[in-house]
Amino acid sequence: MFTPWDDGTFSANVAKIVLEQQGFNVSITPVDPAVLFKSIATSDADATLSPWLPATHGEIYAQYEGEYENLGPKFTGARIGLAVPVYMDIDSIEDLEPKK
């Protein structure tokens, strides 16, 4: 199972290929984060590489903590937010003019 965001889709498909090369039969399913955590906690699903902890999915993680094994982070130092490309004539999101 994975959350259907770019990083979750990519990670799930890479893991699927690696596991299939090892002889496992793998199916991946895009789901909402709440469904993902509950499914793993109740053994309806086996694993995920999708959670963003502690902030984005921390509250849902806490609901089911202890009902699954956390193997640690997939990567560290990632950030979530908005960015303004350098080719724009603005310095921040606040500089954008609302559409009329």
Protein backbone atom coordinates (compact mmCIF):
# COMPACT_ATOMS: atom_id res chain seq x y z
CA MET A 1 0.00 0.00 0.00
CA PHE A 2 1.13 3.53 -0.63
CA THR A 3 -0.17 7.07 -0.55
CA PRO A 4 -0.59 8.19 -4.19
CA TRP A 5 1.98 10.97 -4.02
CA ASP A 6 5.02 10.98 -6.32
CA ASP A 7 7.48 9.72 -3.70
CA GLY A 8 5.08 7.01 -2.51
CA THR A 9 4.32 5.84 -6.04
CA PHE A 10 8.01 5.72 -6.94
CA SER A 11 9.10 3.93 -3.75
CA ALA A 12 6.28 1.38 -3.94
CA ASN A 13 7.12 0.47 -7.54
CA VAL A 14 10.85 0.15 -6.86
CA ALA A 15 10.15 -2.07 -3.84
CA LYS A 16 7.72 -4.13 -5.95
CA ILE A 17 10.38 -4.80 -8.59
CA VAL A 18 13.02 -5.73 -6.01
CA LEU A 19 10.66 -8.05 -4.12
CA GLU A 20 9.44 -9.71 -7.32
CA GLN A 21 13.08 -10.34 -8.31
CA GLN A 22 13.39 -12.18 -4.99
CA GLY A 23 10.42 -14.39 -5.86
CA PHE A 24 7.64 -12.63 -3.95
CA ASN A 25 4.18 -12.08 -5.41
CA VAL A 26 3.56 -8.34 -4.90
CA SER A 27 0.53 -6.13 -5.39
CA ILE A 28 0.53 -2.45 -4.57
CA THR A 29 -2.55 -0.35 -3.86
CA PRO A 30 -2.85 3.44 -3.61
CA VAL A 31 -4.85 4.44 -0.52
CA ASP A 32 -5.54 7.34 1.83
CA PRO A 33 -3.06 7.56 4.73
CA ALA A 34 -5.75 6.66 7.29
CA VAL A 35 -6.58 3.48 5.37
CA LEU A 36 -2.88 2.68 4.99
CA PHE A 37 -2.11 2.72 8.72
CA LYS A 38 -5.27 0.84 9.71
CA SER A 39 -4.67 -1.83 7.04
CA ILE A 40 -1.16 -2.52 8.26
CA ALA A 41 -2.19 -2.46 11.93
CA THR A 42 -4.95 -5.02 11.25
CA SER A 43 -2.75 -7.19 8.95
CA ASP A 44 -4.87 -6.44 5.88
CA ALA A 45 -1.63 -5.15 4.28
CA ASP A 46 1.98 -6.08 4.86
CA ALA A 47 4.06 -2.92 4.44
CA THR A 48 4.39 0.65 3.24
CA LEU A 49 7.18 3.08 2.43
CA SER A 50 4.85 6.10 2.29
CA PRO A 51 4.52 7.72 5.75
CA TRP A 52 6.00 11.15 6.31
CA LEU A 53 6.84 11.33 10.00
CA PRO A 54 6.58 12.94 12.40
CA ALA A 55 4.53 15.85 11.05
CA THR A 56 2.40 14.85 8.06
CA HIS A 57 1.26 11.42 9.25
CA GLY A 58 2.28 11.64 12.90
CA GLU A 59 -1.24 11.86 14.29
CA ILE A 60 -2.42 8.78 12.37
CA TYR A 61 0.82 6.96 13.22
CA ALA A 62 0.17 7.58 16.93
CA GLN A 63 -3.35 6.05 16.69
CA TYR A 64 -1.91 2.69 15.66
CA GLU A 65 1.53 2.83 17.30
CA GLY A 66 2.51 -0.53 18.72
CA GLU A 67 0.29 -2.43 16.27
CA TYR A 68 3.03 -2.71 13.62
CA GLU A 69 6.80 -2.64 13.38
CA ASN A 70 8.47 0.61 12.35
CA LEU A 71 11.68 -0.23 10.46
CA GLY A 72 12.88 3.37 10.44
CA PRO A 73 13.02 6.21 7.92
CA LYS A 74 13.25 5.73 4.17
CA PHE A 75 15.21 8.98 3.99
CA THR A 76 15.89 11.98 6.22
CA GLY A 77 16.04 15.72 5.69
CA ALA A 78 13.09 15.94 3.30
CA ARG A 79 10.97 19.08 3.37
CA ILE A 80 7.37 19.77 2.52
CA GLY A 81 6.31 23.17 1.29
CA LEU A 82 5.89 25.55 -1.59
CA ALA A 83 8.72 26.99 -3.61
CA VAL A 84 9.10 29.85 -6.08
CA PRO A 85 11.28 29.06 -9.11
CA VAL A 86 14.29 31.34 -9.60
CA TYR A 87 13.07 32.43 -13.06
CA MET A 88 10.06 34.24 -11.54
CA ASP A 89 10.13 38.01 -10.87
CA ILE A 90 9.03 37.43 -7.30
CA ASP A 91 10.87 36.43 -4.16
CA SER A 92 8.12 34.61 -2.28
CA ILE A 93 4.61 33.20 -2.53
CA GLU A 94 3.35 36.35 -0.79
CA ASP A 95 4.39 38.40 -3.86
CA LEU A 96 1.87 36.64 -6.09
CA GLU A 97 -1.11 38.71 -7.16
CA PRO A 98 -4.53 37.10 -6.66
CA LYS A 99 -6.55 36.47 -9.86
CA LYS A 100 -9.40 38.89 -10.40
